[in-house]
Amino acid sequence: MRRLSASLKPRRMDLASTPAAVPRTLAMAFMLALSASAAPAQDRGTLDPKSLPALAHPADPATPAKELFGRRSAPVSMAARSIGSYARGCLAGAVALPIDGATWQVMRVSRNRMWGHPHLIAFLERFSKAVPAINGWPGLMVGDIAQPRGGPMLTGHASHQIGLDADIWLTPMPDHRLSRAEREEISATNVVRADGLDIDPTTWTRQHRLLIQAAAEQPEVARIFVNPAIKKALCREATGDRDWLTKVRPMFGHNYHFHIRISCPAGEEGCADQDPPPAGDGCGEDLARWFRPAMLHPRPGGKPRPPLTMAQLPVECRRVLASP
């Protein structure tokens, strides 16, 4: 697959681990948190979004950062910068992906999560233009990217905080413009079997594989997250060069969409990349463990992780939040 761009060279530092690299108990907590956060991705939006009520004590150090960033409806007028890490940071100088493009349509507009770092927005526009040649789809349906100033979200994601993550629906863009109501109410295609052990052959197609493979082959893409059943199908169906599979990482949820994460833009020292994915195609024991009964059907219980506060984010995020 021809690469679309080679303009960005990923920088790497150790900020996050995959479940294979942490003790089992921590891995379970990590995966349960992320699977729970991914579930609302197909929740309906609204045609009548309401402003959130003012916080009684916004300066209280115990106030969750998501309550503060979730109330910022516009970006900050600063130079574009991704600040911090994918799951603990914020975004300055965000730009919005236009709701309509020739080869994309933004979904769930009422969430106001179509904002990203200019590098990601440019990537999405460029990549979407190649989609008809990649797999024959008219274009992409784009879900959540980030809030206007990034930061933790009130619902739905642990990451998507620095404007370098985007959800792409596993549904081809239609050949007509969706109405506002359709964008808020229709669901993406679930391509995973009900038991979670494999893809659903009635919804999974070769076009899905071609699209995910093409995205993984782009040099600025650091990781792609898919449901473990999708990773299993990709491992089974991949032919020829399998290097691209390294970037495709299993994560519960992600059965209606796949999650693209690009590397930190060159020269942005305040942006923290993850380590490179483990070597190999990830199709062996590391994938098999996701299908063990204890992983697919974890015991209920456990204490939810407390929400992040501003003290846990980079200091620069306070200026991003407070700026007019």
Protein backbone atom coordinates (compact mmCIF):
# COMPACT_ATOMS: atom_id res chain seq x y z
CA MET A 1 0.00 0.00 0.00
CA ARG A 2 1.43 3.37 -1.01
CA ARG A 3 2.02 5.69 1.92
CA LEU A 4 0.24 9.01 1.83
CA SER A 5 2.83 11.03 3.67
CA ALA A 6 6.23 10.71 5.25
CA SER A 7 6.39 14.17 6.73
CA LEU A 8 6.31 13.21 10.42
CA LYS A 9 8.85 11.01 12.19
CA PRO A 10 7.52 9.58 15.47
CA ARG A 11 9.41 10.25 18.66
CA ARG A 12 9.12 7.65 21.39
CA MET A 13 9.18 7.68 25.16
CA ASP A 14 7.79 5.32 27.75
CA LEU A 15 4.41 6.58 28.88
CA ALA A 16 1.96 3.72 28.56
CA SER A 17 2.05 -0.04 28.63
CA THR A 18 0.00 -2.66 26.89
CA PRO A 19 -1.72 -5.34 28.97
CA ALA A 20 1.06 -7.78 28.02
CA ALA A 21 3.62 -5.59 29.76
CA VAL A 22 1.92 -5.16 33.15
CA PRO A 23 0.88 -7.59 35.90
CA ARG A 24 -2.37 -9.40 35.28
CA THR A 25 -4.33 -7.61 37.99
CA LEU A 26 -3.33 -4.21 36.65
CA ALA A 27 -4.07 -5.33 33.11
CA MET A 28 -7.57 -6.34 34.13
CA ALA A 29 -8.25 -2.97 35.72
CA PHE A 30 -6.78 -1.17 32.70
CA MET A 31 -8.86 -3.09 30.18
CA LEU A 32 -12.07 -2.90 32.16
CA ALA A 33 -11.74 0.86 32.45
CA LEU A 34 -11.16 1.26 28.73
CA SER A 35 -13.90 -1.14 27.70
CA ALA A 36 -16.36 0.73 29.87
CA SER A 37 -15.28 4.06 28.42
CA ALA A 38 -15.66 2.79 24.86
CA ALA A 39 -19.22 1.57 25.31
CA PRO A 40 -20.95 4.98 24.98
CA ALA A 41 -19.42 5.56 21.53
CA GLN A 42 -22.72 4.67 19.86
CA ASP A 43 -24.92 6.56 22.30
CA ARG A 44 -27.24 8.89 20.48
CA GLY A 45 -26.61 12.60 20.37
CA THR A 46 -29.24 15.31 20.52
CA LEU A 47 -30.76 17.91 18.22
CA ASP A 48 -31.10 20.30 21.16
CA PRO A 49 -27.79 20.39 23.08
CA LYS A 50 -27.96 22.23 26.39
CA SER A 51 -25.21 24.20 28.07
CA LEU A 52 -23.90 22.58 31.21
CA PRO A 53 -24.75 24.41 34.45
CA ALA A 54 -22.05 26.51 36.06
CA LEU A 55 -19.94 24.76 38.66
CA ALA A 56 -20.44 25.92 42.23
CA HIS A 57 -16.74 25.68 43.08
CA PRO A 58 -14.68 25.48 39.90
CA ALA A 59 -11.46 26.42 41.72
CA ASP A 60 -11.78 23.58 44.21
CA PRO A 61 -8.71 21.36 43.70
CA ALA A 62 -10.96 18.30 43.97
CA THR A 63 -13.08 19.34 40.98
CA PRO A 64 -12.64 16.75 38.23
CA ALA A 65 -10.77 18.17 35.25
CA LYS A 66 -13.40 16.69 32.92
CA GLU A 67 -16.02 19.01 34.45
CA LEU A 68 -13.83 22.00 33.61
CA PHE A 69 -12.74 21.03 30.10
CA GLY A 70 -16.23 19.79 29.27
CA ARG A 71 -17.52 23.33 29.77
CA ARG A 72 -15.15 24.96 27.28
CA SER A 73 -17.04 25.20 23.99
CA ALA A 74 -14.37 26.97 21.91
CA PRO A 75 -10.63 26.49 21.37
CA VAL A 76 -7.98 28.71 22.87
CA SER A 77 -6.22 31.19 20.59
CA MET A 78 -2.66 29.91 20.98
CA ALA A 79 -0.13 28.24 18.75
CA ALA A 80 -1.14 24.65 18.10
CA ARG A 81 0.36 22.32 20.71
CA SER A 82 -0.46 18.89 22.06
CA ILE A 83 0.42 19.09 25.75
CA GLY A 84 1.08 16.00 27.84
CA SER A 85 0.14 12.43 26.99
CA TYR A 86 -2.80 10.91 25.17
CA ALA A 87 -4.65 10.14 28.41
CA ARG A 88 -3.37 13.00 30.56
CA GLY A 89 -3.09 16.31 28.76
CA CYS A 90 -4.78 19.10 26.83
CA LEU A 91 -4.72 20.88 23.48
CA ALA A 92 -3.91 24.45 22.47
CA GLY A 93 -4.73 25.96 19.09
CA ALA A 94 -7.18 23.25 18.08
CA VAL A 95 -8.92 23.34 14.72
CA ALA A 96 -12.18 21.64 13.84
CA LEU A 97 -12.65 19.03 11.16
CA PRO A 98 -15.38 20.59 8.99
CA ILE A 99 -18.66 18.74 9.46
CA ASP A 100 -18.84 17.97 5.74
CA GLY A 101 -16.05 17.15 3.33
CA ALA A 102 -16.03 15.56 -0.09
CA THR A 103 -14.86 12.28 1.47
CA TRP A 104 -15.93 12.52 5.12
CA GLN A 105 -18.87 13.37 7.35
CA VAL A 106 -18.66 14.14 11.08
CA MET A 107 -21.02 12.20 13.32
CA ARG A 108 -22.55 13.12 16.71
CA VAL A 109 -22.06 16.82 16.05
CA SER A 110 -23.82 17.75 19.29
CA ARG A 111 -20.87 16.41 21.29
CA ASN A 112 -18.58 19.14 19.90
CA ARG A 113 -15.70 16.70 19.72
CA MET A 114 -14.56 17.33 16.15
CA TRP A 115 -11.50 19.32 17.31
CA GLY A 116 -7.91 18.24 16.91
CA HIS A 117 -4.31 19.25 16.40
CA PRO A 118 -3.89 20.66 12.87
CA HIS A 119 -1.61 17.73 12.03
CA LEU A 120 -4.36 15.23 12.81
CA ILE A 121 -7.03 17.20 10.97
CA ALA A 122 -4.79 17.42 7.91
CA PHE A 123 -4.12 13.69 8.13
CA LEU A 124 -7.84 12.85 8.30
CA GLU A 125 -8.63 15.04 5.31
CA ARG A 126 -5.74 13.59 3.31
CA PHE A 127 -6.43 9.97 4.27
CA SER A 128 -10.16 10.24 3.59
CA LYS A 129 -9.45 11.39 0.04
CA ALA A 130 -7.59 8.13 -0.57
CA VAL A 131 -10.41 5.93 0.77
CA PRO A 132 -12.28 5.43 -2.54
CA ALA A 133 -9.08 4.04 -4.05
CA ILE A 134 -8.25 2.01 -0.94
CA ASN A 135 -11.48 0.06 -0.56
CA GLY A 136 -14.18 1.59 -2.75
CA TRP A 137 -16.03 3.42 0.03
CA PRO A 138 -17.16 6.99 -0.83
CA GLY A 139 -15.42 8.23 2.30
CA LEU A 140 -15.25 8.09 6.10
CA MET A 141 -17.71 8.68 8.90
CA VAL A 142 -15.70 10.34 11.68
CA GLY A 143 -16.65 10.03 15.33
CA ASP A 144 -15.00 11.60 18.36
CA ILE A 145 -11.68 13.42 18.01
CA ALA A 146 -11.23 15.80 20.97
CA GLN A 147 -12.89 18.66 22.81
CA PRO A 148 -12.07 22.26 21.82
CA ARG A 149 -9.30 22.40 24.42
CA GLY A 150 -8.71 18.70 24.70
CA GLY A 151 -8.47 17.41 28.24
CA PRO A 152 -10.48 14.67 29.93
CA MET A 153 -13.99 14.13 28.56
CA LEU A 154 -17.17 13.96 30.61
CA THR A 155 -18.08 10.66 28.94
CA GLY A 156 -16.73 8.04 26.62
CA HIS A 157 -12.92 8.10 26.57
CA ALA A 158 -9.85 7.84 28.73
CA SER A 159 -7.66 9.20 25.94
CA HIS A 160 -8.52 11.67 23.12
CA GLN A 161 -7.05 14.42 25.33
CA ILE A 162 -4.35 16.03 23.16
CA GLY A 163 -6.01 16.14 19.74
CA LEU A 164 -4.08 13.24 18.20
CA ASP A 165 -6.76 10.50 18.46
CA ALA A 166 -9.75 9.97 16.18
CA ASP A 167 -12.51 7.36 15.91
CA ILE A 168 -13.42 6.13 12.44
CA TRP A 169 -16.74 4.33 12.09
CA LEU A 170 -16.74 0.86 10.57
CA THR A 171 -19.45 2.03 8.20
CA PRO A 172 -18.89 3.50 4.74
CA MET A 173 -19.88 7.11 4.23
CA PRO A 174 -23.15 7.17 2.27
CA ASP A 175 -23.31 8.73 -1.18
CA HIS A 176 -25.48 11.57 0.17
CA ARG A 177 -25.27 14.10 2.99
CA LEU A 178 -26.79 12.80 6.20
CA SER A 179 -29.30 15.00 7.97
CA ARG A 180 -28.49 16.41 11.38
CA ALA A 181 -30.94 13.96 12.94
CA GLU A 182 -29.28 11.01 11.20
CA ARG A 183 -25.86 12.10 12.41
CA GLU A 184 -27.13 12.12 15.99
CA GLU A 185 -29.20 8.95 15.93
CA ILE A 186 -27.93 6.28 13.54
CA SER A 187 -25.46 3.70 14.77
CA ALA A 188 -22.27 2.48 13.17
CA THR A 189 -21.91 -1.14 12.09
CA ASN A 190 -21.06 -3.70 14.77
CA VAL A 191 -18.65 -6.15 13.10
CA VAL A 192 -18.05 -8.36 16.16
CA ARG A 193 -19.94 -11.57 16.89
CA ALA A 194 -22.23 -11.53 19.93
CA ASP A 195 -19.95 -13.87 21.91
CA GLY A 196 -16.93 -11.65 21.24
CA LEU A 197 -14.83 -14.57 19.99
CA ASP A 198 -14.61 -13.52 16.35
CA ILE A 199 -15.93 -11.10 13.77
CA ASP A 200 -19.51 -11.34 12.52
CA PRO A 201 -19.21 -12.69 8.98
CA THR A 202 -22.48 -11.01 8.02
CA THR A 203 -21.05 -7.52 8.68
CA TRP A 204 -17.25 -7.82 8.41
CA THR A 205 -15.92 -7.28 4.90
CA ARG A 206 -12.67 -7.20 2.98
CA GLN A 207 -13.15 -3.44 2.74
CA HIS A 208 -12.76 -3.17 6.52
CA ARG A 209 -9.41 -4.96 6.40
CA LEU A 210 -8.14 -2.86 3.52
CA LEU A 211 -9.06 0.37 5.31
CA ILE A 212 -7.46 -0.55 8.64
CA GLN A 213 -4.35 -1.85 6.88
CA ALA A 214 -4.00 1.35 4.86
CA ALA A 215 -4.33 3.47 8.00
CA ALA A 216 -1.72 1.38 9.84
CA GLU A 217 0.72 1.78 6.96
CA GLN A 218 0.80 5.56 7.27
CA PRO A 219 4.06 6.69 8.91
CA GLU A 220 2.45 9.26 11.21
CA VAL A 221 0.10 6.64 12.68
CA ALA A 222 1.50 5.33 15.98
CA ARG A 223 -1.26 2.90 16.91
CA ILE A 224 -4.67 1.68 15.84
CA PHE A 225 -7.01 0.20 18.43
CA VAL A 226 -9.54 -2.45 17.40
CA ASN A 227 -11.66 -5.03 19.17
CA PRO A 228 -9.66 -8.23 19.82
CA ALA A 229 -12.01 -10.10 17.45
CA ILE A 230 -11.09 -7.66 14.68
CA LYS A 231 -7.39 -8.15 15.38
CA LYS A 232 -7.96 -11.91 15.14
CA ALA A 233 -9.61 -11.47 11.73
CA LEU A 234 -6.81 -9.21 10.51
CA CYS A 235 -4.19 -11.75 11.61
CA ARG A 236 -6.05 -14.48 9.76
CA GLU A 237 -6.63 -12.51 6.57
CA ALA A 238 -3.36 -10.59 6.20
CA THR A 239 -1.18 -11.66 3.30
CA GLY A 240 2.30 -10.66 2.21
CA ASP A 241 3.98 -8.00 4.34
CA ARG A 242 2.57 -8.23 7.88
CA ASP A 243 4.58 -5.39 9.42
CA TRP A 244 1.53 -3.14 9.57
CA LEU A 245 -0.13 -5.53 12.06
CA THR A 246 2.35 -4.40 14.72
CA LYS A 247 0.55 -1.08 15.08
CA VAL A 248 -2.92 -2.66 15.33
CA ARG A 249 -3.54 -3.25 19.04
CA PRO A 250 -6.48 -5.13 20.60
CA MET A 251 -8.73 -3.29 23.03
CA PHE A 252 -12.21 -4.18 24.22
CA GLY A 253 -14.98 -2.02 22.81
CA HIS A 254 -13.99 -0.76 19.37
CA ASN A 255 -16.44 -3.11 17.68
CA TYR A 256 -18.26 -0.24 15.88
CA HIS A 257 -15.21 1.87 15.09
CA PHE A 258 -11.43 1.79 14.99
CA HIS A 259 -9.28 4.32 16.80
CA ILE A 260 -6.42 6.05 14.99
CA ARG A 261 -3.64 7.58 17.09
CA ILE A 262 -0.93 9.62 15.40
CA SER A 263 2.49 10.40 16.83
CA CYS A 264 3.39 13.70 18.43
CA PRO A 265 4.18 16.36 15.81
CA ALA A 266 7.91 16.89 15.32
CA GLY A 267 9.38 19.57 17.55
CA GLU A 268 6.59 19.64 20.16
CA GLU A 269 8.65 18.84 23.23
CA GLY A 270 5.68 19.05 25.59
CA CYS A 271 3.91 16.22 23.76
CA ALA A 272 4.68 12.72 25.04
CA ASP A 273 4.62 9.73 22.71
CA GLN A 274 4.10 6.16 23.79
CA ASP A 275 6.78 3.54 23.43
CA PRO A 276 6.66 1.73 20.09
CA PRO A 277 4.34 -1.28 20.07
CA PRO A 278 6.00 -4.61 20.94
CA ALA A 279 7.84 -6.24 18.04
CA GLY A 280 6.06 -8.81 15.93
CA ASP A 281 2.59 -8.99 14.43
CA GLY A 282 0.82 -9.43 17.77
CA CYS A 283 -1.05 -12.49 16.54
CA GLY A 284 0.23 -15.07 19.03
CA GLU A 285 -0.22 -15.56 22.76
CA ASP A 286 -0.57 -11.84 23.42
CA LEU A 287 -3.75 -11.88 21.35
CA ALA A 288 -4.99 -15.26 22.59
CA ARG A 289 -5.12 -14.04 26.20
CA TRP A 290 -7.86 -11.57 25.25
CA PHE A 291 -10.18 -14.50 24.55
CA ARG A 292 -9.78 -16.28 27.86
CA PRO A 293 -13.04 -16.51 29.84
CA ALA A 294 -11.67 -14.36 32.66
CA MET A 295 -10.98 -11.58 30.18
CA LEU A 296 -14.19 -11.84 28.18
CA HIS A 297 -16.37 -12.23 31.27
CA PRO A 298 -14.62 -10.52 34.21
CA ARG A 299 -16.13 -10.75 37.64
CA PRO A 300 -18.15 -7.68 38.59
CA GLY A 301 -16.88 -5.37 41.25
CA GLY A 302 -13.79 -3.31 41.72
CA LYS A 303 -13.45 0.30 42.63
CA PRO A 304 -13.65 2.79 39.74
CA ARG A 305 -10.61 4.94 39.21
CA PRO A 306 -11.14 8.48 40.53
CA PRO A 307 -11.36 11.18 37.83
CA LEU A 308 -8.30 13.25 37.02
CA THR A 309 -7.94 16.65 38.64
CA MET A 310 -6.08 19.65 37.24
CA ALA A 311 -3.15 18.87 39.54
CA GLN A 312 -2.65 15.61 37.64
CA LEU A 313 -2.41 17.33 34.24
CA PRO A 314 0.58 19.30 32.90
CA VAL A 315 0.84 22.76 34.45
CA GLU A 316 0.43 24.35 31.00
CA CYS A 317 -3.11 22.93 30.85
CA ARG A 318 -4.19 25.42 33.49
CA ARG A 319 -3.36 28.29 31.13
CA VAL A 320 -5.13 26.54 28.26
CA LEU A 321 -8.22 26.10 30.40
CA ALA A 322 -8.24 29.64 31.80
CA SER A 323 -7.54 31.57 28.59
CA PRO A 324 -10.48 33.39 27.00
